[in-house]
Amino acid sequence: MTKVKVARGSRVEEVRQGLLQDLTDGALDVGEKLVNEQELAARFDVSRLTVREAVSALVTSGYLERRHGSGTYVVGLPGPRHALDATLSYIHMIAQAGMKPGLQVLDIESRPATANETRDLGLEGDEWVRSLERLRTANGRPVIYSLDVVPERFVAAVANKRFNRSLYDVLESIGVPVVSANAVLLPVIADQRLATLLDVRVASPLLQISEVDFNKNGLPIVLSTEWHVPGVFELRVNRRP
């Protein structure tokens, strides 16, 4: 019989998901100490190195905390789940998760569209866009960094100061609400700039979402790229036949 070798990366994810399930099910609560690596290695039938990597991922995500000379403790629980088959303001999502939402506008610029933006937003070659660089927080903690690009013709009458709120709310207030979206999800790691903006370590795991939002007529009206810190809330994809 040929023995199938399981990649360690897959085993790390298996342990991570198993510990996350403990948090979700209430088997582990905030303040509790995690059992040692040897016990976890025996439970999941993996090496201690695999356990260490899985635990490190949960530390990075804010679920666990290592205390020197004491051990590893639970400091956070998985947040509410939100389906990605519905368009929902992240400000509203953070509030629904029971946390205080915050929004910091880092930069707003009106400029000619790039070639990629012209393609993805179906623009004419000489059209301009409004580019928004913003940071969302939950209870003061940075959780989402985003770059949003909107055709200038939709927001020409909107003052920059109005973008210190949900972009979806702004668009709805001017009569061009978002009704659907296409999104691509990609696991990435934080470079120096993302690590600084999101207050995580360099090479920490992040979720990147690249999305095009459409109005009721099927016209693309927002091109977004977002970087999410794991662990604040769960984003779930619902697949339909």
C-alpha atoms as a PDB file:
ATOM      1  CA  MET A   1       0.000   0.000   0.000  1.00  0.00           C
ATOM      2  CA  THR A   2       1.282   3.449  -0.917  1.00  0.00           C
ATOM      3  CA  LYS A   3       1.354   5.833   2.021  1.00  0.00           C
ATOM      4  CA  VAL A   4      -0.062   9.258   1.251  1.00  0.00           C
ATOM      5  CA  LYS A   5       2.036  12.049   2.678  1.00  0.00           C
ATOM      6  CA  VAL A   6       0.003  14.963   4.049  1.00  0.00           C
ATOM      7  CA  ALA A   7       1.652  18.367   3.666  1.00  0.00           C
ATOM      8  CA  ARG A   8       2.479  20.020   6.967  1.00  0.00           C
ATOM      9  CA  GLY A   9       0.658  23.156   5.847  1.00  0.00           C
ATOM     10  CA  SER A  10      -2.545  21.107   5.670  1.00  0.00           C
ATOM     11  CA  ARG A  11      -1.933  19.650   9.132  1.00  0.00           C
ATOM     12  CA  VAL A  12      -1.263  23.119  10.538  1.00  0.00           C
ATOM     13  CA  GLU A  13      -4.633  24.257   9.182  1.00  0.00           C
ATOM     14  CA  GLU A  14      -6.271  21.134  10.618  1.00  0.00           C
ATOM     15  CA  VAL A  15      -4.957  21.946  14.099  1.00  0.00           C
ATOM     16  CA  ARG A  16      -5.848  25.620  13.740  1.00  0.00           C
ATOM     17  CA  GLN A  17      -9.417  24.784  12.731  1.00  0.00           C
ATOM     18  CA  GLY A  18      -9.692  22.256  15.560  1.00  0.00           C
ATOM     19  CA  LEU A  19      -8.682  24.844  18.151  1.00  0.00           C
ATOM     20  CA  LEU A  20     -10.984  27.421  16.581  1.00  0.00           C
ATOM     21  CA  GLN A  21     -13.818  24.919  16.920  1.00  0.00           C
ATOM     22  CA  ASP A  22     -12.984  24.592  20.621  1.00  0.00           C
ATOM     23  CA  LEU A  23     -13.387  28.360  20.944  1.00  0.00           C
ATOM     24  CA  THR A  24     -16.645  28.375  18.973  1.00  0.00           C
ATOM     25  CA  ASP A  25     -18.135  25.439  20.916  1.00  0.00           C
ATOM     26  CA  GLY A  26     -17.194  26.896  24.294  1.00  0.00           C
ATOM     27  CA  ALA A  27     -14.695  24.154  25.115  1.00  0.00           C
ATOM     28  CA  LEU A  28     -12.229  27.001  25.634  1.00  0.00           C
ATOM     29  CA  ASP A  29     -13.231  30.352  27.053  1.00  0.00           C
ATOM     30  CA  VAL A  30     -11.508  33.699  27.429  1.00  0.00           C
ATOM     31  CA  GLY A  31      -8.922  33.537  30.217  1.00  0.00           C
ATOM     32  CA  GLU A  32      -8.389  29.783  29.985  1.00  0.00           C
ATOM     33  CA  LYS A  33      -4.931  28.346  29.529  1.00  0.00           C
ATOM     34  CA  LEU A  34      -4.214  26.145  26.537  1.00  0.00           C
ATOM     35  CA  VAL A  35      -2.828  22.674  27.248  1.00  0.00           C
ATOM     36  CA  ASN A  36       0.832  22.195  26.380  1.00  0.00           C
ATOM     37  CA  GLU A  37       2.206  21.415  22.920  1.00  0.00           C
ATOM     38  CA  GLN A  38       2.847  17.760  23.738  1.00  0.00           C
ATOM     39  CA  GLU A  39      -0.802  17.149  24.642  1.00  0.00           C
ATOM     40  CA  LEU A  40      -2.031  18.977  21.551  1.00  0.00           C
ATOM     41  CA  ALA A  41       0.403  17.035  19.352  1.00  0.00           C
ATOM     42  CA  ALA A  42      -0.972  13.776  20.732  1.00  0.00           C
ATOM     43  CA  ARG A  43      -4.578  14.900  20.319  1.00  0.00           C
ATOM     44  CA  PHE A  44      -4.165  15.840  16.659  1.00  0.00           C
ATOM     45  CA  ASP A  45      -1.506  13.204  15.882  1.00  0.00           C
ATOM     46  CA  VAL A  46       0.949  15.798  14.583  1.00  0.00           C
ATOM     47  CA  SER A  47       4.397  17.061  15.488  1.00  0.00           C
ATOM     48  CA  ARG A  48       4.989  19.731  18.119  1.00  0.00           C
ATOM     49  CA  LEU A  49       6.294  21.995  15.337  1.00  0.00           C
ATOM     50  CA  THR A  50       2.941  21.717  13.559  1.00  0.00           C
ATOM     51  CA  VAL A  51       1.139  22.596  16.795  1.00  0.00           C
ATOM     52  CA  ARG A  52       3.473  25.554  17.337  1.00  0.00           C
ATOM     53  CA  GLU A  53       2.707  26.957  13.875  1.00  0.00           C
ATOM     54  CA  ALA A  54      -1.060  26.534  14.343  1.00  0.00           C
ATOM     55  CA  VAL A  55      -0.951  28.228  17.737  1.00  0.00           C
ATOM     56  CA  SER A  56       1.182  31.048  16.318  1.00  0.00           C
ATOM     57  CA  ALA A  57      -1.467  31.679  13.662  1.00  0.00           C
ATOM     58  CA  LEU A  58      -4.114  32.000  16.369  1.00  0.00           C
ATOM     59  CA  VAL A  59      -1.866  34.328  18.349  1.00  0.00           C
ATOM     60  CA  THR A  60      -1.480  36.511  15.267  1.00  0.00           C
ATOM     61  CA  SER A  61      -5.266  36.473  14.753  1.00  0.00           C
ATOM     62  CA  GLY A  62      -5.823  37.710  18.300  1.00  0.00           C
ATOM     63  CA  TYR A  63      -7.438  34.569  19.734  1.00  0.00           C
ATOM     64  CA  LEU A  64      -4.493  33.453  21.876  1.00  0.00           C
ATOM     65  CA  GLU A  65      -1.713  35.182  23.790  1.00  0.00           C
ATOM     66  CA  ARG A  66       1.621  33.762  24.890  1.00  0.00           C
ATOM     67  CA  ARG A  67       2.664  34.840  28.395  1.00  0.00           C
ATOM     68  CA  HIS A  68       6.326  34.383  29.186  1.00  0.00           C
ATOM     69  CA  GLY A  69       6.887  31.774  31.851  1.00  0.00           C
ATOM     70  CA  SER A  70       3.183  31.020  32.167  1.00  0.00           C
ATOM     71  CA  GLY A  71       1.814  29.550  28.943  1.00  0.00           C
ATOM     72  CA  THR A  72      -0.692  30.350  26.193  1.00  0.00           C
ATOM     73  CA  TYR A  73      -4.089  31.807  27.076  1.00  0.00           C
ATOM     74  CA  VAL A  74      -7.354  32.466  25.276  1.00  0.00           C
ATOM     75  CA  VAL A  75      -7.889  36.209  24.839  1.00  0.00           C
ATOM     76  CA  GLY A  76     -10.529  36.310  22.074  1.00  0.00           C
ATOM     77  CA  LEU A  77     -13.392  34.307  20.613  1.00  0.00           C
ATOM     78  CA  PRO A  78     -14.509  33.956  16.973  1.00  0.00           C
ATOM     79  CA  GLY A  79     -16.845  36.744  15.963  1.00  0.00           C
ATOM     80  CA  PRO A  80     -20.132  36.544  14.069  1.00  0.00           C
ATOM     81  CA  ARG A  81     -20.245  35.055  10.585  1.00  0.00           C
ATOM     82  CA  HIS A  82     -21.174  37.185   7.606  1.00  0.00           C
ATOM     83  CA  ALA A  83     -22.030  35.828   4.190  1.00  0.00           C
ATOM     84  CA  LEU A  84     -20.293  37.298   1.167  1.00  0.00           C
ATOM     85  CA  ASP A  85     -23.309  36.719  -1.072  1.00  0.00           C
ATOM     86  CA  ALA A  86     -24.814  39.969   0.223  1.00  0.00           C
ATOM     87  CA  THR A  87     -23.438  43.496   0.000  1.00  0.00           C
ATOM     88  CA  LEU A  88     -23.042  44.910   3.497  1.00  0.00           C
ATOM     89  CA  SER A  89     -21.174  47.937   4.774  1.00  0.00           C
ATOM     90  CA  TYR A  90     -18.191  46.917   6.894  1.00  0.00           C
ATOM     91  CA  ILE A  91     -19.039  49.718   9.304  1.00  0.00           C
ATOM     92  CA  HIS A  92     -22.453  48.126   9.828  1.00  0.00           C
ATOM     93  CA  MET A  93     -20.871  44.662  10.004  1.00  0.00           C
ATOM     94  CA  ILE A  94     -18.478  45.722  12.765  1.00  0.00           C
ATOM     95  CA  ALA A  95     -21.353  47.286  14.687  1.00  0.00           C
ATOM     96  CA  GLN A  96     -23.412  44.094  14.307  1.00  0.00           C
ATOM     97  CA  ALA A  97     -20.463  42.174  15.757  1.00  0.00           C
ATOM     98  CA  GLY A  98     -20.907  44.191  18.951  1.00  0.00           C
ATOM     99  CA  MET A  99     -17.859  46.397  18.464  1.00  0.00           C
ATOM    100  CA  LYS A 100     -17.475  50.131  18.008  1.00  0.00           C
ATOM    101  CA  PRO A 101     -16.709  50.867  14.333  1.00  0.00           C
ATOM    102  CA  GLY A 102     -14.271  53.540  13.275  1.00  0.00           C
ATOM    103  CA  LEU A 103     -13.213  54.878   9.885  1.00  0.00           C
ATOM    104  CA  GLN A 104     -10.020  56.793   9.138  1.00  0.00           C
ATOM    105  CA  VAL A 105      -9.632  58.438   5.737  1.00  0.00           C
ATOM    106  CA  LEU A 106      -5.961  58.184   4.749  1.00  0.00           C
ATOM    107  CA  ASP A 107      -6.138  59.766   1.295  1.00  0.00           C
ATOM    108  CA  ILE A 108      -8.628  60.871  -1.352  1.00  0.00           C
ATOM    109  CA  GLU A 109      -7.547  61.691  -4.887  1.00  0.00           C
ATOM    110  CA  SER A 110      -9.252  62.568  -8.167  1.00  0.00           C
ATOM    111  CA  ARG A 111      -7.133  61.372 -11.081  1.00  0.00           C
ATOM    112  CA  PRO A 112      -7.224  59.746 -14.518  1.00  0.00           C
ATOM    113  CA  ALA A 113      -8.142  56.055 -14.413  1.00  0.00           C
ATOM    114  CA  THR A 114      -5.388  53.509 -14.908  1.00  0.00           C
ATOM    115  CA  ALA A 115      -5.598  50.939 -17.689  1.00  0.00           C
ATOM    116  CA  ASN A 116      -6.777  48.231 -15.264  1.00  0.00           C
ATOM    117  CA  GLU A 117      -9.384  50.528 -13.715  1.00  0.00           C
ATOM    118  CA  THR A 118     -10.640  51.519 -17.163  1.00  0.00           C
ATOM    119  CA  ARG A 119     -11.051  47.836 -18.047  1.00  0.00           C
ATOM    120  CA  ASP A 120     -12.642  46.676 -14.770  1.00  0.00           C
ATOM    121  CA  LEU A 121     -15.011  49.651 -14.469  1.00  0.00           C
ATOM    122  CA  GLY A 122     -15.905  49.743 -18.176  1.00  0.00           C
ATOM    123  CA  LEU A 123     -14.711  53.337 -18.556  1.00  0.00           C
ATOM    124  CA  GLU A 124     -13.876  55.437 -21.568  1.00  0.00           C
ATOM    125  CA  GLY A 125     -10.172  55.955 -22.123  1.00  0.00           C
ATOM    126  CA  ASP A 126     -10.074  59.511 -20.759  1.00  0.00           C
ATOM    127  CA  GLU A 127     -12.339  59.149 -17.716  1.00  0.00           C
ATOM    128  CA  TRP A 128     -11.335  60.177 -14.202  1.00  0.00           C
ATOM    129  CA  VAL A 129     -11.925  58.353 -10.928  1.00  0.00           C
ATOM    130  CA  ARG A 130     -12.092  59.199  -7.236  1.00  0.00           C
ATOM    131  CA  SER A 131      -9.632  57.032  -5.310  1.00  0.00           C
ATOM    132  CA  LEU A 132     -10.273  56.460  -1.588  1.00  0.00           C
ATOM    133  CA  GLU A 133      -7.692  55.017   0.799  1.00  0.00           C
ATOM    134  CA  ARG A 134      -9.269  54.212   4.162  1.00  0.00           C
ATOM    135  CA  LEU A 135      -8.753  52.227   7.357  1.00  0.00           C
ATOM    136  CA  ARG A 136     -11.573  50.674   9.385  1.00  0.00           C
ATOM    137  CA  THR A 137     -11.250  49.921  13.079  1.00  0.00           C
ATOM    138  CA  ALA A 138     -13.164  47.792  15.591  1.00  0.00           C
ATOM    139  CA  ASN A 139     -12.952  49.005  19.183  1.00  0.00           C
ATOM    140  CA  GLY A 140     -10.000  51.107  18.072  1.00  0.00           C
ATOM    141  CA  ARG A 141      -8.107  48.173  16.532  1.00  0.00           C
ATOM    142  CA  PRO A 142      -7.286  48.360  12.790  1.00  0.00           C
ATOM    143  CA  VAL A 143      -9.096  45.520  11.019  1.00  0.00           C
ATOM    144  CA  ILE A 144      -9.589  46.450   7.329  1.00  0.00           C
ATOM    145  CA  TYR A 145      -7.471  48.562   4.996  1.00  0.00           C
ATOM    146  CA  SER A 146      -9.122  49.385   1.687  1.00  0.00           C
ATOM    147  CA  LEU A 147      -8.534  51.089  -1.640  1.00  0.00           C
ATOM    148  CA  ASP A 148     -11.811  52.017  -3.362  1.00  0.00           C
ATOM    149  CA  VAL A 149     -12.058  53.522  -6.845  1.00  0.00           C
ATOM    150  CA  VAL A 150     -15.282  55.144  -8.088  1.00  0.00           C
ATOM    151  CA  PRO A 151     -15.858  56.693 -11.538  1.00  0.00           C
ATOM    152  CA  GLU A 152     -15.781  60.462 -11.047  1.00  0.00           C
ATOM    153  CA  ARG A 153     -18.991  60.916 -13.037  1.00  0.00           C
ATOM    154  CA  PHE A 154     -20.942  59.222 -10.225  1.00  0.00           C
ATOM    155  CA  VAL A 155     -19.457  61.264  -7.367  1.00  0.00           C
ATOM    156  CA  ALA A 156     -18.536  64.560  -9.036  1.00  0.00           C
ATOM    157  CA  ALA A 157     -20.922  66.466  -6.758  1.00  0.00           C
ATOM    158  CA  VAL A 158     -19.812  64.661  -3.567  1.00  0.00           C
ATOM    159  CA  ALA A 159     -17.373  66.565  -1.337  1.00  0.00           C
ATOM    160  CA  ASN A 160     -14.388  64.570  -0.078  1.00  0.00           C
ATOM    161  CA  LYS A 161     -15.401  65.126   3.538  1.00  0.00           C
ATOM    162  CA  ARG A 162     -18.517  62.991   2.977  1.00  0.00           C
ATOM    163  CA  PHE A 163     -16.400  59.864   2.539  1.00  0.00           C
ATOM    164  CA  ASN A 164     -15.779  59.556   6.289  1.00  0.00           C
ATOM    165  CA  ARG A 165     -18.714  57.146   6.392  1.00  0.00           C
ATOM    166  CA  SER A 166     -19.803  53.971   4.610  1.00  0.00           C
ATOM    167  CA  LEU A 167     -19.191  54.270   0.868  1.00  0.00           C
ATOM    168  CA  TYR A 168     -22.355  52.235   0.252  1.00  0.00           C
ATOM    169  CA  ASP A 169     -24.339  54.788   2.269  1.00  0.00           C
ATOM    170  CA  VAL A 170     -22.831  57.662   0.277  1.00  0.00           C
ATOM    171  CA  LEU A 171     -23.676  56.019  -3.040  1.00  0.00           C
ATOM    172  CA  GLU A 172     -27.207  55.223  -1.924  1.00  0.00           C
ATOM    173  CA  SER A 173     -27.715  58.835  -0.816  1.00  0.00           C
ATOM    174  CA  ILE A 174     -26.899  60.083  -4.342  1.00  0.00           C
ATOM    175  CA  GLY A 175     -29.130  57.549  -6.087  1.00  0.00           C
ATOM    176  CA  VAL A 176     -26.586  54.960  -7.239  1.00  0.00           C
ATOM    177  CA  PRO A 177     -26.848  52.154  -4.652  1.00  0.00           C
ATOM    178  CA  VAL A 178     -24.762  49.011  -4.905  1.00  0.00           C
ATOM    179  CA  VAL A 179     -26.973  45.970  -5.493  1.00  0.00           C
ATOM    180  CA  SER A 180     -24.493  43.215  -6.400  1.00  0.00           C
ATOM    181  CA  ALA A 181     -20.792  42.434  -6.493  1.00  0.00           C
ATOM    182  CA  ASN A 182     -18.192  40.031  -7.827  1.00  0.00           C
ATOM    183  CA  ALA A 183     -15.334  39.268  -5.446  1.00  0.00           C
ATOM    184  CA  VAL A 184     -12.090  37.298  -5.507  1.00  0.00           C
ATOM    185  CA  LEU A 185     -10.631  36.131  -2.175  1.00  0.00           C
ATOM    186  CA  LEU A 186      -6.910  35.532  -1.811  1.00  0.00           C
ATOM    187  CA  PRO A 187      -4.803  34.657   1.261  1.00  0.00           C
ATOM    188  CA  VAL A 188      -1.777  36.947   1.441  1.00  0.00           C
ATOM    189  CA  ILE A 189       0.868  37.947   3.952  1.00  0.00           C
ATOM    190  CA  ALA A 190       1.481  41.439   5.267  1.00  0.00           C
ATOM    191  CA  ASP A 191       4.331  43.453   3.811  1.00  0.00           C
ATOM    192  CA  GLN A 192       5.896  46.261   5.824  1.00  0.00           C
ATOM    193  CA  ARG A 193       3.296  48.862   4.853  1.00  0.00           C
ATOM    194  CA  LEU A 194       0.286  46.613   5.497  1.00  0.00           C
ATOM    195  CA  ALA A 195       1.816  45.477   8.784  1.00  0.00           C
ATOM    196  CA  THR A 196       2.196  49.099   9.872  1.00  0.00           C
ATOM    197  CA  LEU A 197      -1.316  50.107   8.808  1.00  0.00           C
ATOM    198  CA  LEU A 198      -3.031  47.080  10.353  1.00  0.00           C
ATOM    199  CA  ASP A 199      -0.787  46.830  13.414  1.00  0.00           C
ATOM    200  CA  VAL A 200       0.296  43.255  12.733  1.00  0.00           C
ATOM    201  CA  ARG A 201       3.665  41.616  12.268  1.00  0.00           C
ATOM    202  CA  VAL A 202       5.335  41.497   8.873  1.00  0.00           C
ATOM    203  CA  ALA A 203       4.417  38.217   7.102  1.00  0.00           C
ATOM    204  CA  SER A 204       1.240  37.828   9.192  1.00  0.00           C
ATOM    205  CA  PRO A 205      -1.638  36.193   7.283  1.00  0.00           C
ATOM    206  CA  LEU A 206      -4.270  38.528   5.827  1.00  0.00           C
ATOM    207  CA  LEU A 207      -7.315  38.024   3.619  1.00  0.00           C
ATOM    208  CA  GLN A 208      -7.327  40.118   0.441  1.00  0.00           C
ATOM    209  CA  ILE A 209     -10.663  40.732  -1.260  1.00  0.00           C
ATOM    210  CA  SER A 210     -10.716  42.230  -4.759  1.00  0.00           C
ATOM    211  CA  GLU A 211     -14.244  43.271  -5.681  1.00  0.00           C
ATOM    212  CA  VAL A 212     -16.277  45.039  -8.338  1.00  0.00           C
ATOM    213  CA  ASP A 213     -19.645  46.439  -7.200  1.00  0.00           C
ATOM    214  CA  PHE A 214     -22.567  46.991  -9.589  1.00  0.00           C
ATOM    215  CA  ASN A 215     -25.657  49.204  -9.593  1.00  0.00           C
ATOM    216  CA  LYS A 216     -29.185  48.085 -10.459  1.00  0.00           C
ATOM    217  CA  ASN A 217     -28.464  48.486 -14.183  1.00  0.00           C
ATOM    218  CA  GLY A 218     -25.468  46.159 -13.992  1.00  0.00           C
ATOM    219  CA  LEU A 219     -22.937  48.972 -14.390  1.00  0.00           C
ATOM    220  CA  PRO A 220     -19.724  48.675 -12.361  1.00  0.00           C
ATOM    221  CA  ILE A 221     -19.538  51.597  -9.936  1.00  0.00           C
ATOM    222  CA  VAL A 222     -16.834  50.632  -7.408  1.00  0.00           C
ATOM    223  CA  LEU A 223     -13.543  48.789  -7.746  1.00  0.00           C
ATOM    224  CA  SER A 224     -12.199  47.775  -4.342  1.00  0.00           C
ATOM    225  CA  THR A 225      -9.190  46.009  -2.905  1.00  0.00           C
ATOM    226  CA  GLU A 226      -9.343  45.250   0.814  1.00  0.00           C
ATOM    227  CA  TRP A 227      -6.996  43.622   3.299  1.00  0.00           C
ATOM    228  CA  HIS A 228      -8.648  42.036   6.344  1.00  0.00           C
ATOM    229  CA  VAL A 229      -7.059  41.059   9.648  1.00  0.00           C
ATOM    230  CA  PRO A 230      -8.297  37.532  10.462  1.00  0.00           C
ATOM    231  CA  GLY A 231     -10.260  36.843  13.600  1.00  0.00           C
ATOM    232  CA  VAL A 232     -12.553  39.858  13.920  1.00  0.00           C
ATOM    233  CA  PHE A 233     -15.475  38.172  12.200  1.00  0.00           C
ATOM    234  CA  GLU A 234     -15.838  35.230   9.870  1.00  0.00           C
ATOM    235  CA  LEU A 235     -16.561  35.925   6.217  1.00  0.00           C
ATOM    236  CA  ARG A 236     -18.469  33.002   4.700  1.00  0.00           C
ATOM    237  CA  VAL A 237     -18.992  32.242   1.021  1.00  0.00           C
ATOM    238  CA  ASN A 238     -22.376  30.695   0.197  1.00  0.00           C
ATOM    239  CA  ARG A 239     -22.238  28.625  -2.992  1.00  0.00           C
ATOM    240  CA  ARG A 240     -25.371  28.010  -5.024  1.00  0.00           C
ATOM    241  CA  PRO A 241     -25.932  25.361  -7.720  1.00  0.00           C
END
